Amino acid sequence: GAWKPLGISGRQRARLRKEVLLAGEDWAYDPPRGEMRTKRKGNKVDCIAAEKRANTVELMKKMPQMLLDYKGSRHMAHCSYCPNTAASASPAGRLHRMPRPGLPVASRTTPRLKAYKGVPPPYDRTKRMVIPDALNVLRLRPGHRYCLLGQLSKEVGWNYAHTIRARQPCPSWVSKI
């Protein structure tokens, strides 16, 4: 049959990968830059609830520079000779740009990554994978620094977090359908 993307959120996938790597085991589900290799094979990658994706320490170190770069790119957006230079403030747009440096320029693989804010209707009724061991590993361990993509987007001007929260149905009864 046709390959169907898993309904696991990017946050859960990142936490599971982090826990497996911290345990000293190999992450066998995808090699480094696995999402890009999956997209190069012709498969589609869907990431839901992009605003809840946790960023690691490496991104935390770059965060002040990322904020400055974003604010600088907003001012360049109105010049006539550089179209579409404004960086997206939404979490889905920022997540869409993250694996981009590893992909070939003008590649057909970039449209295969779909990032959504919240959980859209096709995915709210499908069964999602939940990994209980990896749910709070990154945040609750002392000394770990993390940042949610939604918080970073809020700092640079995304004001729709309350709208996304209000439109999401109760996950306990929707997931059982």
C-alpha atoms as a PDB file:
ATOM      1  CA  GLY A   1       0.000   0.000   0.000  1.00  0.00           C
ATOM      2  CA  ALA A   2       0.900   3.665  -0.075  1.00  0.00           C
ATOM      3  CA  TRP A   3       3.128   5.069   2.657  1.00  0.00           C
ATOM      4  CA  LYS A   4       1.207   7.068   5.265  1.00  0.00           C
ATOM      5  CA  PRO A   5       2.901   9.568   7.584  1.00  0.00           C
ATOM      6  CA  LEU A   6       2.756   8.812  11.291  1.00  0.00           C
ATOM      7  CA  GLY A   7       0.535  11.003  13.414  1.00  0.00           C
ATOM      8  CA  ILE A   8       3.236  11.579  16.021  1.00  0.00           C
ATOM      9  CA  SER A   9       3.915  15.187  16.856  1.00  0.00           C
ATOM     10  CA  GLY A  10       7.333  16.673  16.261  1.00  0.00           C
ATOM     11  CA  ARG A  11       7.688  17.341  19.982  1.00  0.00           C
ATOM     12  CA  GLN A  12       7.150  13.694  20.895  1.00  0.00           C
ATOM     13  CA  ARG A  13       9.534  12.546  18.166  1.00  0.00           C
ATOM     14  CA  ALA A  14      12.234  14.933  19.360  1.00  0.00           C
ATOM     15  CA  ARG A  15      11.823  13.825  22.978  1.00  0.00           C
ATOM     16  CA  LEU A  16      11.953  10.152  22.100  1.00  0.00           C
ATOM     17  CA  ARG A  17      15.069  10.687  19.991  1.00  0.00           C
ATOM     18  CA  LYS A  18      16.748  12.670  22.784  1.00  0.00           C
ATOM     19  CA  GLU A  19      15.998  10.000  25.383  1.00  0.00           C
ATOM     20  CA  VAL A  20      17.308   7.195  23.181  1.00  0.00           C
ATOM     21  CA  LEU A  21      20.516   9.112  22.483  1.00  0.00           C
ATOM     22  CA  LEU A  22      20.989   9.982  26.182  1.00  0.00           C
ATOM     23  CA  ALA A  23      20.637   6.294  27.029  1.00  0.00           C
ATOM     24  CA  GLY A  24      23.610   5.583  24.749  1.00  0.00           C
ATOM     25  CA  GLU A  25      21.602   3.655  22.176  1.00  0.00           C
ATOM     26  CA  ASP A  26      21.499   4.277  18.456  1.00  0.00           C
ATOM     27  CA  TRP A  27      18.516   6.076  16.995  1.00  0.00           C
ATOM     28  CA  ALA A  28      17.566   3.538  14.353  1.00  0.00           C
ATOM     29  CA  TYR A  29      14.429   5.218  13.060  1.00  0.00           C
ATOM     30  CA  ASP A  30      16.205   7.803  11.002  1.00  0.00           C
ATOM     31  CA  PRO A  31      19.881   8.621  10.468  1.00  0.00           C
ATOM     32  CA  PRO A  32      21.162  12.193  10.978  1.00  0.00           C
ATOM     33  CA  ARG A  33      19.065  14.506   8.828  1.00  0.00           C
ATOM     34  CA  GLY A  34      16.549  11.688   8.674  1.00  0.00           C
ATOM     35  CA  GLU A  35      13.582  13.879   7.825  1.00  0.00           C
ATOM     36  CA  MET A  36      15.440  15.160   4.806  1.00  0.00           C
ATOM     37  CA  ARG A  37      16.379  11.660   3.661  1.00  0.00           C
ATOM     38  CA  THR A  38      12.791  10.553   4.128  1.00  0.00           C
ATOM     39  CA  LYS A  39      11.640  13.440   1.979  1.00  0.00           C
ATOM     40  CA  ARG A  40      14.265  12.681  -0.666  1.00  0.00           C
ATOM     41  CA  LYS A  41      12.890   9.158  -1.007  1.00  0.00           C
ATOM     42  CA  GLY A  42       9.555  10.639  -1.992  1.00  0.00           C
ATOM     43  CA  ASN A  43       7.765  10.213   1.331  1.00  0.00           C
ATOM     44  CA  LYS A  44       5.802  12.974   2.991  1.00  0.00           C
ATOM     45  CA  VAL A  45       6.587  14.155   6.525  1.00  0.00           C
ATOM     46  CA  ASP A  46       3.786  15.756   8.523  1.00  0.00           C
ATOM     47  CA  CYS A  47       4.542  17.543  11.785  1.00  0.00           C
ATOM     48  CA  ILE A  48       1.543  18.553  13.878  1.00  0.00           C
ATOM     49  CA  ALA A  49       1.446  20.936  16.857  1.00  0.00           C
ATOM     50  CA  ALA A  50       4.527  22.815  15.719  1.00  0.00           C
ATOM     51  CA  GLU A  51       4.162  25.391  18.506  1.00  0.00           C
ATOM     52  CA  LYS A  52       4.879  22.716  21.129  1.00  0.00           C
ATOM     53  CA  ARG A  53       8.140  21.508  19.614  1.00  0.00           C
ATOM     54  CA  ALA A  54      11.002  21.766  22.105  1.00  0.00           C
ATOM     55  CA  ASN A  55      14.295  23.254  21.001  1.00  0.00           C
ATOM     56  CA  THR A  56      17.576  21.971  22.368  1.00  0.00           C
ATOM     57  CA  VAL A  57      20.490  23.716  24.042  1.00  0.00           C
ATOM     58  CA  GLU A  58      22.179  24.440  20.701  1.00  0.00           C
ATOM     59  CA  LEU A  59      19.206  26.537  19.610  1.00  0.00           C
ATOM     60  CA  MET A  60      19.032  28.201  23.022  1.00  0.00           C
ATOM     61  CA  LYS A  61      22.594  29.468  22.531  1.00  0.00           C
ATOM     62  CA  LYS A  62      21.647  30.911  19.138  1.00  0.00           C
ATOM     63  CA  MET A  63      18.354  32.409  20.303  1.00  0.00           C
ATOM     64  CA  PRO A  64      19.504  36.046  20.874  1.00  0.00           C
ATOM     65  CA  GLN A  65      21.096  36.075  17.412  1.00  0.00           C
ATOM     66  CA  MET A  66      17.974  34.503  15.906  1.00  0.00           C
ATOM     67  CA  LEU A  67      15.840  37.285  17.403  1.00  0.00           C
ATOM     68  CA  LEU A  68      18.165  39.956  15.995  1.00  0.00           C
ATOM     69  CA  ASP A  69      18.182  38.291  12.568  1.00  0.00           C
ATOM     70  CA  TYR A  70      14.410  38.088  12.563  1.00  0.00           C
ATOM     71  CA  LYS A  71      13.968  41.727  13.507  1.00  0.00           C
ATOM     72  CA  GLY A  72      16.460  42.716  10.813  1.00  0.00           C
ATOM     73  CA  SER A  73      14.668  40.657   8.183  1.00  0.00           C
ATOM     74  CA  ARG A  74      11.364  42.340   9.008  1.00  0.00           C
ATOM     75  CA  HIS A  75      12.796  45.707   8.040  1.00  0.00           C
ATOM     76  CA  MET A  76      14.119  44.388   4.720  1.00  0.00           C
ATOM     77  CA  ALA A  77      10.741  43.002   3.708  1.00  0.00           C
ATOM     78  CA  HIS A  78       9.511  46.214   2.138  1.00  0.00           C
ATOM     79  CA  CYS A  79      12.329  46.853  -0.317  1.00  0.00           C
ATOM     80  CA  SER A  80      11.493  46.382  -3.991  1.00  0.00           C
ATOM     81  CA  TYR A  81      14.610  44.432  -5.013  1.00  0.00           C
ATOM     82  CA  CYS A  82      14.465  41.642  -2.400  1.00  0.00           C
ATOM     83  CA  PRO A  83      11.078  39.913  -2.504  1.00  0.00           C
ATOM     84  CA  ASN A  84       9.923  37.520   0.223  1.00  0.00           C
ATOM     85  CA  THR A  85      12.766  38.215   2.623  1.00  0.00           C
ATOM     86  CA  ALA A  86      10.571  38.434   5.704  1.00  0.00           C
ATOM     87  CA  ALA A  87      10.974  35.453   8.017  1.00  0.00           C
ATOM     88  CA  SER A  88       7.794  33.841   9.246  1.00  0.00           C
ATOM     89  CA  ALA A  89       6.798  34.509  12.840  1.00  0.00           C
ATOM     90  CA  SER A  90       4.493  31.492  13.096  1.00  0.00           C
ATOM     91  CA  PRO A  91       5.866  28.256  14.592  1.00  0.00           C
ATOM     92  CA  ALA A  92       4.916  26.237  11.522  1.00  0.00           C
ATOM     93  CA  GLY A  93       6.788  28.632   9.264  1.00  0.00           C
ATOM     94  CA  ARG A  94       9.872  28.567  11.491  1.00  0.00           C
ATOM     95  CA  LEU A  95       9.766  24.771  11.665  1.00  0.00           C
ATOM     96  CA  HIS A  96       9.522  24.649   7.886  1.00  0.00           C
ATOM     97  CA  ARG A  97      12.764  26.639   7.627  1.00  0.00           C
ATOM     98  CA  MET A  98      14.742  24.537  10.142  1.00  0.00           C
ATOM     99  CA  PRO A  99      15.827  21.563   7.978  1.00  0.00           C
ATOM    100  CA  ARG A 100      16.216  23.812   4.954  1.00  0.00           C
ATOM    101  CA  PRO A 101      20.021  24.395   5.076  1.00  0.00           C
ATOM    102  CA  GLY A 102      20.700  20.687   4.590  1.00  0.00           C
ATOM    103  CA  LEU A 103      18.532  20.407   1.496  1.00  0.00           C
ATOM    104  CA  PRO A 104      19.684  21.147  -2.037  1.00  0.00           C
ATOM    105  CA  VAL A 105      18.664  24.524  -3.399  1.00  0.00           C
ATOM    106  CA  ALA A 106      15.472  24.469  -5.467  1.00  0.00           C
ATOM    107  CA  SER A 107      14.828  20.893  -4.429  1.00  0.00           C
ATOM    108  CA  ARG A 108      11.509  19.153  -4.816  1.00  0.00           C
ATOM    109  CA  THR A 109      11.809  17.844  -1.243  1.00  0.00           C
ATOM    110  CA  THR A 110      10.820  21.032   0.575  1.00  0.00           C
ATOM    111  CA  PRO A 111       7.099  20.876  -0.328  1.00  0.00           C
ATOM    112  CA  ARG A 112       6.929  17.376   1.168  1.00  0.00           C
ATOM    113  CA  LEU A 113       7.373  18.703   4.720  1.00  0.00           C
ATOM    114  CA  LYS A 114       4.061  19.912   6.073  1.00  0.00           C
ATOM    115  CA  ALA A 115       4.004  21.761   9.384  1.00  0.00           C
ATOM    116  CA  TYR A 116       0.744  22.688  11.064  1.00  0.00           C
ATOM    117  CA  LYS A 117      -0.158  24.972  13.940  1.00  0.00           C
ATOM    118  CA  GLY A 118      -2.234  22.892  16.315  1.00  0.00           C
ATOM    119  CA  VAL A 119      -3.841  19.637  15.178  1.00  0.00           C
ATOM    120  CA  PRO A 120      -5.852  20.124  11.960  1.00  0.00           C
ATOM    121  CA  PRO A 121      -9.030  18.124  11.197  1.00  0.00           C
ATOM    122  CA  PRO A 122      -7.469  15.265   9.201  1.00  0.00           C
ATOM    123  CA  TYR A 123      -5.195  14.433  12.134  1.00  0.00           C
ATOM    124  CA  ASP A 124      -7.509  14.983  15.093  1.00  0.00           C
ATOM    125  CA  ARG A 125      -9.414  11.782  14.326  1.00  0.00           C
ATOM    126  CA  THR A 126      -6.440   9.573  13.496  1.00  0.00           C
ATOM    127  CA  LYS A 127      -4.618   7.577  16.113  1.00  0.00           C
ATOM    128  CA  ARG A 128      -1.380   9.213  17.234  1.00  0.00           C
ATOM    129  CA  MET A 129       1.577   7.511  18.814  1.00  0.00           C
ATOM    130  CA  VAL A 130       2.264   8.544  22.398  1.00  0.00           C
ATOM    131  CA  ILE A 131       5.469   7.453  24.088  1.00  0.00           C
ATOM    132  CA  PRO A 132       4.961   7.621  27.875  1.00  0.00           C
ATOM    133  CA  ASP A 133       8.650   7.264  28.739  1.00  0.00           C
ATOM    134  CA  ALA A 134       9.638  10.254  26.638  1.00  0.00           C
ATOM    135  CA  LEU A 135       6.948  12.751  27.605  1.00  0.00           C
ATOM    136  CA  ASN A 136       8.660  14.897  30.240  1.00  0.00           C
ATOM    137  CA  VAL A 137      12.267  13.749  29.981  1.00  0.00           C
ATOM    138  CA  LEU A 138      13.719  16.951  28.579  1.00  0.00           C
ATOM    139  CA  ARG A 139      11.887  19.437  30.753  1.00  0.00           C
ATOM    140  CA  LEU A 140      11.846  17.770  34.148  1.00  0.00           C
ATOM    141  CA  ARG A 141      15.483  16.713  34.308  1.00  0.00           C
ATOM    142  CA  PRO A 142      17.418  19.290  36.370  1.00  0.00           C
ATOM    143  CA  GLY A 143      19.881  21.444  34.491  1.00  0.00           C
ATOM    144  CA  HIS A 144      18.258  20.978  31.082  1.00  0.00           C
ATOM    145  CA  ARG A 145      17.575  24.144  29.144  1.00  0.00           C
ATOM    146  CA  TYR A 146      14.755  24.102  26.637  1.00  0.00           C
ATOM    147  CA  CYS A 147      12.610  26.480  24.685  1.00  0.00           C
ATOM    148  CA  LEU A 148       9.266  25.844  23.037  1.00  0.00           C
ATOM    149  CA  LEU A 149       8.940  27.022  19.489  1.00  0.00           C
ATOM    150  CA  GLY A 150       5.680  28.727  20.433  1.00  0.00           C
ATOM    151  CA  GLN A 151       7.459  30.825  23.077  1.00  0.00           C
ATOM    152  CA  LEU A 152      10.146  31.851  20.594  1.00  0.00           C
ATOM    153  CA  SER A 153       7.509  32.781  18.033  1.00  0.00           C
ATOM    154  CA  LYS A 154       5.621  34.800  20.642  1.00  0.00           C
ATOM    155  CA  GLU A 155       8.744  36.862  21.339  1.00  0.00           C
ATOM    156  CA  VAL A 156       9.102  37.793  17.683  1.00  0.00           C
ATOM    157  CA  GLY A 157       5.483  38.782  17.185  1.00  0.00           C
ATOM    158  CA  TRP A 158       3.208  35.726  16.738  1.00  0.00           C
ATOM    159  CA  ASN A 159      -0.021  36.496  18.602  1.00  0.00           C
ATOM    160  CA  TYR A 160      -2.224  33.500  17.812  1.00  0.00           C
ATOM    161  CA  ALA A 161      -1.322  31.011  20.564  1.00  0.00           C
ATOM    162  CA  HIS A 162      -4.569  31.661  22.435  1.00  0.00           C
ATOM    163  CA  THR A 163      -6.565  31.151  19.218  1.00  0.00           C
ATOM    164  CA  ILE A 164      -4.891  27.793  18.546  1.00  0.00           C
ATOM    165  CA  ARG A 165      -5.538  26.680  22.139  1.00  0.00           C
ATOM    166  CA  ALA A 166      -9.204  27.712  21.961  1.00  0.00           C
ATOM    167  CA  ARG A 167      -9.823  25.891  18.655  1.00  0.00           C
ATOM    168  CA  GLN A 168      -8.272  22.597  19.775  1.00  0.00           C
ATOM    169  CA  PRO A 169     -10.814  20.001  20.913  1.00  0.00           C
ATOM    170  CA  CYS A 170     -10.396  17.981  24.077  1.00  0.00           C
ATOM    171  CA  PRO A 171      -7.790  15.333  23.108  1.00  0.00           C
ATOM    172  CA  SER A 172      -9.138  12.663  25.470  1.00  0.00           C
ATOM    173  CA  TRP A 173     -12.322  11.981  23.501  1.00  0.00           C
ATOM    174  CA  VAL A 174     -11.145  12.918  20.008  1.00  0.00           C
ATOM    175  CA  SER A 175      -8.160  10.534  20.068  1.00  0.00           C
ATOM    176  CA  LYS A 176     -10.374   7.570  20.971  1.00  0.00           C
ATOM    177  CA  ILE A 177     -12.426   7.925  17.790  1.00  0.00           C
END
